[in-house]
Amino acid sequence: MVFELIGGLSAGLGLLGLVFLLNRLLGGRIPGWVYPFSVAAGLLAFTIWAEYSWADRTLEAQPQLRLADSVSDPSPLRPLSYAVTPVNRMRAIDLSRTRVHPDQPHLVNTLVVSMARWEPIRAVEVTFDCDAPAMAPMGPQVTLHADGTLEGATWLQLEADDRLLRAACTAGEEIRHGRAQGS
């Protein structure tokens, strides 16, 4: 957040510098109200850019993540969001932590990463059953045996078209066929 504040101030002051230079070239013909307006315009432009690009920048900074789904909600505090809605939350799977046991090819163990604007990143280890379709959060009560089976898991049924399930199963398929990016 501090970096975005510094970035916004830099954009505002940079635009102010351009207005000063332009005023100098024009012989002082720019009215005085343009100076504070240019700072505000630079700050606003940077803020809008930061809000609308955070999801892409976050995923580009972490190439091991594969986006599963995202949520975009308009807000009355951001009127522009009713015209063009920015991504507020997203979930991804960590390809570098995705595993498939050779004896249980329908089970995909991965790390599900949940991200939201201005919130800490949360990650949960989950095993997906691509045949069922279901998922089981891994916890201290769950034991992963050497043959790839789970003991003590609480399976949650999913819809067959669940985006998180599809992302994990696609990554598992890539691992089984040797096309994985993360491993």
Protein backbone atom coordinates (compact mmCIF):
# COMPACT_ATOMS: atom_id res chain seq x y z
CA MET A 1 0.00 0.00 0.00
CA VAL A 2 2.90 2.35 0.73
CA PHE A 3 4.33 1.66 -2.72
CA GLU A 4 1.02 2.55 -4.34
CA LEU A 5 0.85 5.78 -2.34
CA ILE A 6 4.38 6.64 -3.47
CA GLY A 7 3.48 5.66 -7.04
CA GLY A 8 0.36 7.84 -7.00
CA LEU A 9 2.23 10.83 -5.61
CA SER A 10 4.98 10.31 -8.18
CA ALA A 11 2.44 10.24 -11.00
CA GLY A 12 0.81 13.42 -9.71
CA LEU A 13 4.10 15.25 -9.25
CA GLY A 14 5.35 14.00 -12.62
CA LEU A 15 2.28 15.42 -14.34
CA LEU A 16 2.78 18.66 -12.40
CA GLY A 17 6.33 18.82 -13.72
CA LEU A 18 5.06 18.41 -17.28
CA VAL A 19 2.56 21.24 -16.74
CA PHE A 20 5.37 23.47 -15.38
CA LEU A 21 7.48 22.68 -18.45
CA LEU A 22 4.56 23.29 -20.80
CA ASN A 23 3.79 26.59 -19.07
CA ARG A 24 7.42 27.63 -19.49
CA LEU A 25 7.32 26.79 -23.20
CA LEU A 26 4.05 28.71 -23.64
CA GLY A 27 5.36 31.78 -21.85
CA GLY A 28 3.22 31.50 -18.70
CA ARG A 29 -0.19 31.25 -20.39
CA ILE A 30 -1.52 28.31 -18.33
CA PRO A 31 -3.94 29.41 -15.56
CA GLY A 32 -3.04 28.69 -11.94
CA TRP A 33 -5.84 26.21 -11.29
CA VAL A 34 -4.24 23.74 -13.73
CA TYR A 35 -1.36 22.99 -11.33
CA PRO A 36 -3.34 21.36 -8.48
CA PHE A 37 -5.67 19.83 -11.06
CA SER A 38 -2.70 18.11 -12.78
CA VAL A 39 -1.53 16.61 -9.46
CA ALA A 40 -5.05 15.31 -8.75
CA ALA A 41 -5.42 13.95 -12.30
CA GLY A 42 -2.08 12.10 -12.07
CA LEU A 43 -2.98 10.62 -8.69
CA LEU A 44 -6.44 9.58 -9.91
CA ALA A 45 -5.07 8.03 -13.11
CA PHE A 46 -2.49 6.03 -11.18
CA THR A 47 -5.12 4.85 -8.66
CA ILE A 48 -7.45 3.69 -11.42
CA TRP A 49 -4.59 1.87 -13.16
CA ALA A 50 -3.55 0.20 -9.89
CA GLU A 51 -7.12 -0.95 -9.10
CA TYR A 52 -7.75 -2.39 -12.54
CA SER A 53 -4.36 -4.06 -13.02
CA TRP A 54 -3.63 -5.60 -9.60
CA ALA A 55 -4.91 -9.06 -10.56
CA ASP A 56 -2.81 -9.25 -13.72
CA ARG A 57 0.25 -7.85 -11.95
CA THR A 58 -0.18 -10.33 -9.09
CA LEU A 59 -0.40 -13.32 -11.43
CA GLU A 60 2.52 -12.11 -13.57
CA ALA A 61 4.66 -11.82 -10.43
CA GLN A 62 3.88 -15.44 -9.53
CA PRO A 63 4.12 -17.51 -12.74
CA GLN A 64 3.61 -20.77 -10.82
CA LEU A 65 -0.02 -19.79 -10.20
CA ARG A 66 -2.79 -20.80 -12.60
CA LEU A 67 -5.95 -18.73 -12.32
CA ALA A 68 -9.01 -20.85 -11.57
CA ASP A 69 -11.68 -18.18 -11.10
CA SER A 70 -12.16 -14.53 -10.27
CA VAL A 71 -14.92 -12.34 -8.87
CA SER A 72 -15.73 -8.83 -10.06
CA ASP A 73 -18.19 -6.77 -8.04
CA PRO A 74 -19.15 -3.14 -8.67
CA SER A 75 -19.06 -0.78 -5.73
CA PRO A 76 -20.81 2.55 -5.06
CA LEU A 77 -17.51 3.82 -3.67
CA ARG A 78 -15.98 3.28 -7.12
CA PRO A 79 -18.51 4.62 -9.66
CA LEU A 80 -16.36 3.58 -12.63
CA SER A 81 -16.77 -0.04 -11.50
CA TYR A 82 -20.37 0.00 -12.76
CA ALA A 83 -19.12 0.60 -16.31
CA VAL A 84 -15.98 -1.57 -16.19
CA THR A 85 -15.82 -3.88 -13.18
CA PRO A 86 -12.34 -4.66 -11.80
CA VAL A 87 -11.37 -8.05 -10.34
CA ASN A 88 -11.89 -8.00 -6.57
CA ARG A 89 -11.03 -11.60 -5.65
CA MET A 90 -9.47 -14.57 -7.36
CA ARG A 91 -8.46 -18.15 -6.68
CA ALA A 92 -5.57 -19.97 -8.28
CA ILE A 93 -3.73 -23.24 -7.93
CA ASP A 94 -0.01 -23.40 -7.34
CA LEU A 95 1.47 -25.55 -10.10
CA SER A 96 4.76 -25.90 -8.21
CA ARG A 97 2.88 -27.60 -5.36
CA THR A 98 0.60 -29.78 -7.51
CA ARG A 99 1.18 -33.53 -7.23
CA VAL A 100 -0.41 -36.68 -8.63
CA HIS A 101 0.38 -40.12 -7.18
CA PRO A 102 0.96 -42.78 -9.88
CA ASP A 103 -1.30 -45.27 -8.05
CA GLN A 104 -4.15 -42.72 -7.66
CA PRO A 105 -4.18 -40.75 -10.93
CA HIS A 106 -7.65 -39.33 -10.28
CA LEU A 107 -6.48 -37.59 -7.07
CA VAL A 108 -4.71 -34.24 -7.46
CA ASN A 109 -3.06 -32.65 -4.42
CA THR A 110 -2.39 -28.93 -4.77
CA LEU A 111 -2.24 -25.63 -2.97
CA VAL A 112 -5.28 -23.40 -3.52
CA VAL A 113 -4.33 -19.73 -3.25
CA SER A 114 -7.08 -17.16 -2.51
CA MET A 115 -6.27 -13.51 -3.17
CA ALA A 116 -8.32 -10.35 -2.70
CA ARG A 117 -7.45 -6.70 -3.14
CA TRP A 118 -6.04 -5.22 0.09
CA GLU A 119 -6.22 -8.56 1.93
CA PRO A 120 -3.49 -11.03 2.82
CA ILE A 121 -3.04 -14.03 0.55
CA ARG A 122 -4.48 -17.27 1.94
CA ALA A 123 -3.36 -20.71 0.85
CA VAL A 124 -4.89 -24.09 1.68
CA GLU A 125 -3.63 -27.52 0.69
CA VAL A 126 -6.44 -29.46 -0.97
CA THR A 127 -6.83 -32.84 -2.65
CA PHE A 128 -9.27 -33.01 -5.56
CA ASP A 129 -10.93 -36.20 -6.75
CA CYS A 130 -11.40 -35.64 -10.47
CA ASP A 131 -13.66 -38.71 -10.83
CA ALA A 132 -16.06 -38.01 -7.94
CA PRO A 133 -15.98 -34.76 -8.35
CA ALA A 134 -15.02 -33.72 -4.83
CA MET A 135 -12.36 -31.98 -2.77
CA ALA A 136 -10.87 -32.59 0.65
CA PRO A 137 -9.00 -29.90 2.57
CA MET A 138 -5.78 -31.31 3.97
CA GLY A 139 -5.34 -30.76 7.69
CA PRO A 140 -3.64 -32.33 10.67
CA GLN A 141 -6.36 -35.01 10.87
CA VAL A 142 -5.73 -36.15 7.26
CA THR A 143 -3.06 -38.76 6.56
CA LEU A 144 -1.63 -39.27 3.10
CA HIS A 145 -0.48 -42.88 2.76
CA ALA A 146 2.39 -44.11 0.60
CA ASP A 147 -0.05 -45.58 -1.94
CA GLY A 148 -1.65 -42.13 -2.47
CA THR A 149 -4.85 -42.76 -0.53
CA LEU A 150 -6.19 -40.40 2.11
CA GLU A 151 -7.34 -41.31 5.60
CA GLY A 152 -9.46 -38.99 7.73
CA ALA A 153 -10.37 -36.67 4.87
CA THR A 154 -13.73 -34.91 4.75
CA TRP A 155 -14.82 -34.90 1.12
CA LEU A 156 -16.93 -32.01 -0.12
CA GLN A 157 -18.95 -32.68 -3.25
CA LEU A 158 -18.45 -30.26 -6.14
CA GLU A 159 -20.26 -29.56 -9.38
CA ALA A 160 -18.59 -31.20 -12.38
CA ASP A 161 -18.01 -27.78 -13.94
CA ASP A 162 -16.45 -26.19 -10.82
CA ARG A 163 -13.64 -23.94 -12.05
CA LEU A 164 -11.26 -24.79 -9.22
CA LEU A 165 -11.80 -28.52 -9.82
CA ARG A 166 -11.25 -28.09 -13.56
CA ALA A 167 -8.02 -26.12 -13.02
CA ALA A 168 -6.64 -28.74 -10.62
CA CYS A 169 -7.66 -31.69 -12.82
CA THR A 170 -6.18 -30.03 -15.91
CA ALA A 171 -2.91 -29.52 -14.03
CA GLY A 172 -3.04 -33.15 -12.87
CA GLU A 173 -3.58 -34.30 -16.46
CA GLU A 174 -0.57 -32.24 -17.57
CA ILE A 175 1.56 -33.81 -14.84
CA ARG A 176 0.47 -37.32 -15.83
CA HIS A 177 1.38 -36.62 -19.45
CA GLY A 178 4.64 -34.84 -18.62
CA ARG A 179 3.57 -31.36 -19.75
CA ALA A 180 3.49 -29.70 -16.33
CA GLN A 181 4.91 -26.20 -15.97
CA GLY A 182 5.26 -26.20 -12.22
CA SER A 183 7.16 -29.42 -11.57
